[in-house]
Amino acid sequence: ASYAADGRFELYKTSKKYDGSPGREQHG
């Protein structure tokens, strides 16, 4: 729980690191 609390191990929730380029393009 303490590791999870700041989202460091789930960056797909907090950043665009795992968001695909086609989707990014469609959203500008």
PDB file of all heavy atoms in Angstrom:
ATOM      1  N   ALA A   1       0.816  -1.224   0.000  1.00  0.00           N
ATOM      2  CA  ALA A   1       0.000   0.000   0.000  1.00  0.00           C
ATOM      3  C   ALA A   1       0.844   1.266   0.000  1.00  0.00           C
ATOM      4  O   ALA A   1       0.520   2.242  -0.692  1.00  0.00           O
ATOM      5  CB  ALA A   1      -0.945  -0.010   1.201  1.00  0.00           C
ATOM      6  N   SER A   2       1.923   1.273   0.750  1.00  0.00           N
ATOM      7  CA  SER A   2       2.753   2.485   0.813  1.00  0.00           C
ATOM      8  C   SER A   2       3.438   2.759  -0.521  1.00  0.00           C
ATOM      9  O   SER A   2       3.646   3.919  -0.897  1.00  0.00           O
ATOM     10  CB  SER A   2       3.799   2.364   1.926  1.00  0.00           C
ATOM     11  OG  SER A   2       4.674   1.269   1.683  1.00  0.00           O
ATOM     12  N   TYR A   3       3.784   1.682  -1.255  1.00  0.00           N
ATOM     13  CA  TYR A   3       4.381   1.859  -2.581  1.00  0.00           C
ATOM     14  C   TYR A   3       3.340   2.342  -3.591  1.00  0.00           C
ATOM     15  O   TYR A   3       3.640   3.081  -4.515  1.00  0.00           O
ATOM     16  CB  TYR A   3       4.972   0.537  -3.080  1.00  0.00           C
ATOM     17  CG  TYR A   3       6.146   0.033  -2.298  1.00  0.00           C
ATOM     18  CD1 TYR A   3       5.993  -0.956  -1.329  1.00  0.00           C
ATOM     19  CD2 TYR A   3       7.424   0.527  -2.530  1.00  0.00           C
ATOM     20  CE1 TYR A   3       7.080  -1.434  -0.615  1.00  0.00           C
ATOM     21  CE2 TYR A   3       8.527   0.056  -1.821  1.00  0.00           C
ATOM     22  CZ  TYR A   3       8.342  -0.929  -0.860  1.00  0.00           C
ATOM     23  OH  TYR A   3       9.431  -1.401  -0.154  1.00  0.00           O
ATOM     24  N   ALA A   4       2.121   1.917  -3.382  1.00  0.00           N
ATOM     25  CA  ALA A   4       1.055   2.238  -4.338  1.00  0.00           C
ATOM     26  C   ALA A   4       0.533   3.656  -4.196  1.00  0.00           C
ATOM     27  O   ALA A   4       0.030   4.237  -5.153  1.00  0.00           O
ATOM     28  CB  ALA A   4      -0.101   1.252  -4.154  1.00  0.00           C
ATOM     29  N   ALA A   5       0.648   4.229  -3.009  1.00  0.00           N
ATOM     30  CA  ALA A   5      -0.048   5.466  -2.672  1.00  0.00           C
ATOM     31  C   ALA A   5       0.259   6.643  -3.579  1.00  0.00           C
ATOM     32  O   ALA A   5      -0.607   7.494  -3.809  1.00  0.00           O
ATOM     33  CB  ALA A   5       0.255   5.843  -1.221  1.00  0.00           C
ATOM     34  N   ASP A   6       1.477   6.726  -4.126  1.00  0.00           N
ATOM     35  CA  ASP A   6       1.818   7.868  -4.974  1.00  0.00           C
ATOM     36  C   ASP A   6       1.794   7.523  -6.460  1.00  0.00           C
ATOM     37  O   ASP A   6       2.149   8.347  -7.297  1.00  0.00           O
ATOM     38  CB  ASP A   6       3.185   8.443  -4.599  1.00  0.00           C
ATOM     39  CG  ASP A   6       4.302   7.409  -4.618  1.00  0.00           C
ATOM     40  OD1 ASP A   6       4.093   6.312  -5.174  1.00  0.00           O
ATOM     41  OD2 ASP A   6       5.390   7.698  -4.068  1.00  0.00           O
ATOM     42  N   GLY A   7       1.381   6.314  -6.789  1.00  0.00           N
ATOM     43  CA  GLY A   7       1.239   5.932  -8.193  1.00  0.00           C
ATOM     44  C   GLY A   7       2.532   5.639  -8.922  1.00  0.00           C
ATOM     45  O   GLY A   7       2.536   5.485 -10.149  1.00  0.00           O
ATOM     46  N   ARG A   8       3.639   5.511  -8.209  1.00  0.00           N
ATOM     47  CA  ARG A   8       4.940   5.330  -8.875  1.00  0.00           C
ATOM     48  C   ARG A   8       5.010   4.065  -9.723  1.00  0.00           C
ATOM     49  O   ARG A   8       5.768   4.002 -10.699  1.00  0.00           O
ATOM     50  CB  ARG A   8       6.061   5.322  -7.831  1.00  0.00           C
ATOM     51  CG  ARG A   8       6.141   4.052  -7.002  1.00  0.00           C
ATOM     52  CD  ARG A   8       7.208   4.109  -5.943  1.00  0.00           C
ATOM     53  NE  ARG A   8       6.797   4.923  -4.799  1.00  0.00           N
ATOM     54  CZ  ARG A   8       7.515   5.021  -3.691  1.00  0.00           C
ATOM     55  NH1 ARG A   8       8.675   4.397  -3.579  1.00  0.00           N
ATOM     56  NH2 ARG A   8       7.067   5.754  -2.679  1.00  0.00           N
ATOM     57  N   PHE A   9       4.239   3.036  -9.327  1.00  0.00           N
ATOM     58  CA  PHE A   9       4.272   1.787 -10.066  1.00  0.00           C
ATOM     59  C   PHE A   9       3.065   1.601 -10.986  1.00  0.00           C
ATOM     60  O   PHE A   9       2.845   0.516 -11.514  1.00  0.00           O
ATOM     61  CB  PHE A   9       4.387   0.609  -9.094  1.00  0.00           C
ATOM     62  CG  PHE A   9       5.704   0.560  -8.369  1.00  0.00           C
ATOM     63  CD1 PHE A   9       5.762   0.265  -7.017  1.00  0.00           C
ATOM     64  CD2 PHE A   9       6.901   0.819  -9.034  1.00  0.00           C
ATOM     65  CE1 PHE A   9       6.976   0.218  -6.340  1.00  0.00           C
ATOM     66  CE2 PHE A   9       8.122   0.775  -8.378  1.00  0.00           C
ATOM     67  CZ  PHE A   9       8.160   0.475  -7.020  1.00  0.00           C
ATOM     68  N   GLU A  10       2.299   2.655 -11.145  1.00  0.00           N
ATOM     69  CA  GLU A  10       1.178   2.614 -12.085  1.00  0.00           C
ATOM     70  C   GLU A  10       1.142   3.914 -12.883  1.00  0.00           C
ATOM     71  O   GLU A  10       0.151   4.647 -12.893  1.00  0.00           O
ATOM     72  CB  GLU A  10      -0.146   2.411 -11.342  1.00  0.00           C
ATOM     73  CG  GLU A  10      -0.263   1.054 -10.668  1.00  0.00           C
ATOM     74  CD  GLU A  10      -1.634   0.840 -10.096  1.00  0.00           C
ATOM     75  OE1 GLU A  10      -1.932   1.409  -9.024  1.00  0.00           O
ATOM     76  OE2 GLU A  10      -2.427   0.114 -10.728  1.00  0.00           O
ATOM     77  N   LEU A  11       2.232   4.203 -13.557  1.00  0.00           N
ATOM     78  CA  LEU A  11       2.367   5.464 -14.276  1.00  0.00           C
ATOM     79  C   LEU A  11       1.363   5.611 -15.416  1.00  0.00           C
ATOM     80  O   LEU A  11       1.117   6.716 -15.885  1.00  0.00           O
ATOM     81  CB  LEU A  11       3.798   5.606 -14.813  1.00  0.00           C
ATOM     82  CG  LEU A  11       4.888   5.736 -13.744  1.00  0.00           C
ATOM     83  CD1 LEU A  11       6.261   5.825 -14.399  1.00  0.00           C
ATOM     84  CD2 LEU A  11       4.648   6.935 -12.833  1.00  0.00           C
ATOM     85  N   TYR A  12       0.778   4.515 -15.850  1.00  0.00           N
ATOM     86  CA  TYR A  12      -0.247   4.607 -16.885  1.00  0.00           C
ATOM     87  C   TYR A  12      -1.484   5.341 -16.378  1.00  0.00           C
ATOM     88  O   TYR A  12      -2.285   5.842 -17.171  1.00  0.00           O
ATOM     89  CB  TYR A  12      -0.643   3.209 -17.386  1.00  0.00           C
ATOM     90  CG  TYR A  12      -0.837   2.188 -16.304  1.00  0.00           C
ATOM     91  CD1 TYR A  12      -2.038   2.080 -15.620  1.00  0.00           C
ATOM     92  CD2 TYR A  12       0.200   1.337 -15.949  1.00  0.00           C
ATOM     93  CE1 TYR A  12      -2.216   1.149 -14.608  1.00  0.00           C
ATOM     94  CE2 TYR A  12       0.042   0.411 -14.936  1.00  0.00           C
ATOM     95  CZ  TYR A  12      -1.168   0.317 -14.272  1.00  0.00           C
ATOM     96  OH  TYR A  12      -1.321  -0.598 -13.256  1.00  0.00           O
ATOM     97  N   LYS A  13      -1.654   5.416 -15.067  1.00  0.00           N
ATOM     98  CA  LYS A  13      -2.778   6.156 -14.496  1.00  0.00           C
ATOM     99  C   LYS A  13      -2.472   7.641 -14.336  1.00  0.00           C
ATOM    100  O   LYS A  13      -3.386   8.471 -14.383  1.00  0.00           O
ATOM    101  CB  LYS A  13      -3.154   5.584 -13.121  1.00  0.00           C
ATOM    102  CG  LYS A  13      -3.713   4.174 -13.130  1.00  0.00           C
ATOM    103  CD  LYS A  13      -4.030   3.726 -11.706  1.00  0.00           C
ATOM    104  CE  LYS A  13      -4.590   2.310 -11.664  1.00  0.00           C
ATOM    105  NZ  LYS A  13      -4.851   1.848 -10.287  1.00  0.00           N
ATOM    106  N   THR A  14      -1.217   7.977 -14.093  1.00  0.00           N
ATOM    107  CA  THR A  14      -0.856   9.338 -13.718  1.00  0.00           C
ATOM    108  C   THR A  14      -0.134  10.131 -14.792  1.00  0.00           C
ATOM    109  O   THR A  14       0.095  11.331 -14.633  1.00  0.00           O
ATOM    110  CB  THR A  14       0.048   9.315 -12.473  1.00  0.00           C
ATOM    111  OG1 THR A  14       1.257   8.596 -12.786  1.00  0.00           O
ATOM    112  CG2 THR A  14      -0.657   8.628 -11.311  1.00  0.00           C
ATOM    113  N   SER A  15       0.270   9.493 -15.884  1.00  0.00           N
ATOM    114  CA  SER A  15       1.042  10.164 -16.934  1.00  0.00           C
ATOM    115  C   SER A  15       0.579   9.678 -18.295  1.00  0.00           C
ATOM    116  O   SER A  15      -0.321   8.852 -18.402  1.00  0.00           O
ATOM    117  CB  SER A  15       2.535   9.855 -16.754  1.00  0.00           C
ATOM    118  OG  SER A  15       2.807   8.503 -17.108  1.00  0.00           O
ATOM    119  N   LYS A  16       1.224  10.173 -19.342  1.00  0.00           N
ATOM    120  CA  LYS A  16       0.889   9.726 -20.688  1.00  0.00           C
ATOM    121  C   LYS A  16       1.892   8.688 -21.189  1.00  0.00           C
ATOM    122  O   LYS A  16       1.920   8.350 -22.369  1.00  0.00           O
ATOM    123  CB  LYS A  16       0.836  10.913 -21.660  1.00  0.00           C
ATOM    124  CG  LYS A  16      -0.105  12.022 -21.200  1.00  0.00           C
ATOM    125  CD  LYS A  16      -0.572  12.879 -22.340  1.00  0.00           C
ATOM    126  CE  LYS A  16      -1.565  12.174 -23.222  1.00  0.00           C
ATOM    127  NZ  LYS A  16      -2.776  11.743 -22.504  1.00  0.00           N
ATOM    128  N   LYS A  17       2.695   8.163 -20.281  1.00  0.00           N
ATOM    129  CA  LYS A  17       3.755   7.233 -20.666  1.00  0.00           C
ATOM    130  C   LYS A  17       3.236   6.037 -21.450  1.00  0.00           C
ATOM    131  O   LYS A  17       3.897   5.563 -22.371  1.00  0.00           O
ATOM    132  CB  LYS A  17       4.507   6.755 -19.417  1.00  0.00           C
ATOM    133  CG  LYS A  17       5.634   5.769 -19.725  1.00  0.00           C
ATOM    134  CD  LYS A  17       6.387   5.376 -18.472  1.00  0.00           C
ATOM    135  CE  LYS A  17       7.508   4.390 -18.809  1.00  0.00           C
ATOM    136  NZ  LYS A  17       8.273   3.985 -17.602  1.00  0.00           N
ATOM    137  N   TYR A  18       2.075   5.541 -21.094  1.00  0.00           N
ATOM    138  CA  TYR A  18       1.567   4.341 -21.757  1.00  0.00           C
ATOM    139  C   TYR A  18       0.443   4.642 -22.753  1.00  0.00           C
ATOM    140  O   TYR A  18      -0.183   3.724 -23.268  1.00  0.00           O
ATOM    141  CB  TYR A  18       1.077   3.335 -20.709  1.00  0.00           C
ATOM    142  CG  TYR A  18       2.208   2.743 -19.904  1.00  0.00           C
ATOM    143  CD1 TYR A  18       2.680   3.389 -18.771  1.00  0.00           C
ATOM    144  CD2 TYR A  18       2.829   1.551 -20.290  1.00  0.00           C
ATOM    145  CE1 TYR A  18       3.731   2.868 -18.038  1.00  0.00           C
ATOM    146  CE2 TYR A  18       3.878   1.025 -19.563  1.00  0.00           C
ATOM    147  CZ  TYR A  18       4.330   1.687 -18.432  1.00  0.00           C
ATOM    148  OH  TYR A  18       5.375   1.174 -17.714  1.00  0.00           O
ATOM    149  N   ASP A  19       0.177   5.904 -23.003  1.00  0.00           N
ATOM    150  CA  ASP A  19      -0.871   6.255 -23.957  1.00  0.00           C
ATOM    151  C   ASP A  19      -0.310   6.187 -25.374  1.00  0.00           C
ATOM    152  O   ASP A  19       0.719   6.808 -25.677  1.00  0.00           O
ATOM    153  CB  ASP A  19      -1.399   7.667 -23.686  1.00  0.00           C
ATOM    154  CG  ASP A  19      -2.026   7.794 -22.297  1.00  0.00           C
ATOM    155  OD1 ASP A  19      -2.144   6.761 -21.617  1.00  0.00           O
ATOM    156  OD2 ASP A  19      -2.394   8.912 -21.924  1.00  0.00           O
ATOM    157  N   GLY A  20      -0.966   5.446 -26.247  1.00  0.00           N
ATOM    158  CA  GLY A  20      -0.484   5.265 -27.606  1.00  0.00           C
ATOM    159  C   GLY A  20      -0.490   6.541 -28.426  1.00  0.00           C
ATOM    160  O   GLY A  20      -1.323   7.430 -28.238  1.00  0.00           O
ATOM    161  N   SER A  21       0.429   6.616 -29.381  1.00  0.00           N
ATOM    162  CA  SER A  21       0.538   7.804 -30.231  1.00  0.00           C
ATOM    163  C   SER A  21      -0.702   8.074 -31.071  1.00  0.00           C
ATOM    164  O   SER A  21      -1.093   9.240 -31.226  1.00  0.00           O
ATOM    165  CB  SER A  21       1.781   7.683 -31.126  1.00  0.00           C
ATOM    166  OG  SER A  21       2.961   7.761 -30.340  1.00  0.00           O
ATOM    167  N   PRO A  22      -1.370   7.069 -31.635  1.00  0.00           N
ATOM    168  CA  PRO A  22      -2.592   7.366 -32.405  1.00  0.00           C
ATOM    169  C   PRO A  22      -3.662   8.063 -31.575  1.00  0.00           C
ATOM    170  O   PRO A  22      -4.320   8.989 -32.058  1.00  0.00           O
ATOM    171  CB  PRO A  22      -3.053   5.982 -32.867  1.00  0.00           C
ATOM    172  CG  PRO A  22      -1.794   5.188 -32.952  1.00  0.00           C
ATOM    173  CD  PRO A  22      -0.995   5.651 -31.765  1.00  0.00           C
ATOM    174  N   GLY A  23      -3.820   7.647 -30.342  1.00  0.00           N
ATOM    175  CA  GLY A  23      -4.794   8.290 -29.471  1.00  0.00           C
ATOM    176  C   GLY A  23      -4.381   9.705 -29.107  1.00  0.00           C
ATOM    177  O   GLY A  23      -5.199  10.624 -29.063  1.00  0.00           O
ATOM    178  N   ARG A  24      -3.099   9.890 -28.856  1.00  0.00           N
ATOM    179  CA  ARG A  24      -2.604  11.229 -28.549  1.00  0.00           C
ATOM    180  C   ARG A  24      -2.877  12.174 -29.719  1.00  0.00           C
ATOM    181  O   ARG A  24      -3.302  13.317 -29.523  1.00  0.00           O
ATOM    182  CB  ARG A  24      -1.096  11.189 -28.276  1.00  0.00           C
ATOM    183  CG  ARG A  24      -0.676  10.431 -27.050  1.00  0.00           C
ATOM    184  CD  ARG A  24       0.795  10.694 -26.785  1.00  0.00           C
ATOM    185  NE  ARG A  24       1.374   9.719 -25.874  1.00  0.00           N
ATOM    186  CZ  ARG A  24       2.553   9.860 -25.306  1.00  0.00           C
ATOM    187  NH1 ARG A  24       3.267  10.939 -25.551  1.00  0.00           N
ATOM    188  NH2 ARG A  24       3.028   8.935 -24.481  1.00  0.00           N
ATOM    189  N   GLU A  25      -2.610  11.680 -30.915  1.00  0.00           N
ATOM    190  CA  GLU A  25      -2.805  12.520 -32.106  1.00  0.00           C
ATOM    191  C   GLU A  25      -4.253  12.956 -32.239  1.00  0.00           C
ATOM    192  O   GLU A  25      -4.543  14.133 -32.517  1.00  0.00           O
ATOM    193  CB  GLU A  25      -2.377  11.746 -33.355  1.00  0.00           C
ATOM    194  CG  GLU A  25      -2.562  12.520 -34.642  1.00  0.00           C
ATOM    195  CD  GLU A  25      -2.174  11.716 -35.864  1.00  0.00           C
ATOM    196  OE1 GLU A  25      -1.624  10.602 -35.699  1.00  0.00           O
ATOM    197  OE2 GLU A  25      -2.441  12.188 -36.992  1.00  0.00           O
ATOM    198  N   GLN A  26      -5.183  12.036 -32.042  1.00  0.00           N
ATOM    199  CA  GLN A  26      -6.594  12.365 -32.177  1.00  0.00           C
ATOM    200  C   GLN A  26      -7.063  13.368 -31.127  1.00  0.00           C
ATOM    201  O   GLN A  26      -8.035  14.086 -31.340  1.00  0.00           O
ATOM    202  CB  GLN A  26      -7.440  11.092 -32.107  1.00  0.00           C
ATOM    203  CG  GLN A  26      -7.256  10.155 -33.283  1.00  0.00           C
ATOM    204  CD  GLN A  26      -7.491  10.843 -34.615  1.00  0.00           C
ATOM    205  OE1 GLN A  26      -8.488  11.529 -34.813  1.00  0.00           O
ATOM    206  NE2 GLN A  26      -6.567  10.666 -35.543  1.00  0.00           N
ATOM    207  N   HIS A  27      -6.346  13.418 -30.000  1.00  0.00           N
ATOM    208  CA  HIS A  27      -6.726  14.349 -28.936  1.00  0.00           C
ATOM    209  C   HIS A  27      -5.821  15.583 -28.893  1.00  0.00           C
ATOM    210  O   HIS A  27      -5.888  16.365 -27.944  1.00  0.00           O
ATOM    211  CB  HIS A  27      -6.717  13.636 -27.585  1.00  0.00           C
ATOM    212  CG  HIS A  27      -7.892  12.729 -27.391  1.00  0.00           C
ATOM    213  ND1 HIS A  27      -9.066  13.150 -26.812  1.00  0.00           N
ATOM    214  CD2 HIS A  27      -8.077  11.426 -27.716  1.00  0.00           C
ATOM    215  CE1 HIS A  27      -9.929  12.155 -26.776  1.00  0.00           C
ATOM    216  NE2 HIS A  27      -9.357  11.092 -27.312  1.00  0.00           N
ATOM    217  N   GLY A  28      -4.970  15.739 -29.910  1.00  0.00           N
ATOM    218  CA  GLY A  28      -4.152  16.935 -30.002  1.00  0.00           C
ATOM    219  C   GLY A  28      -2.909  16.966 -29.151  1.00  0.00           C
ATOM    220  O   GLY A  28      -2.343  18.036 -28.891  1.00  0.00           O
TER     221      GLY A  28
END
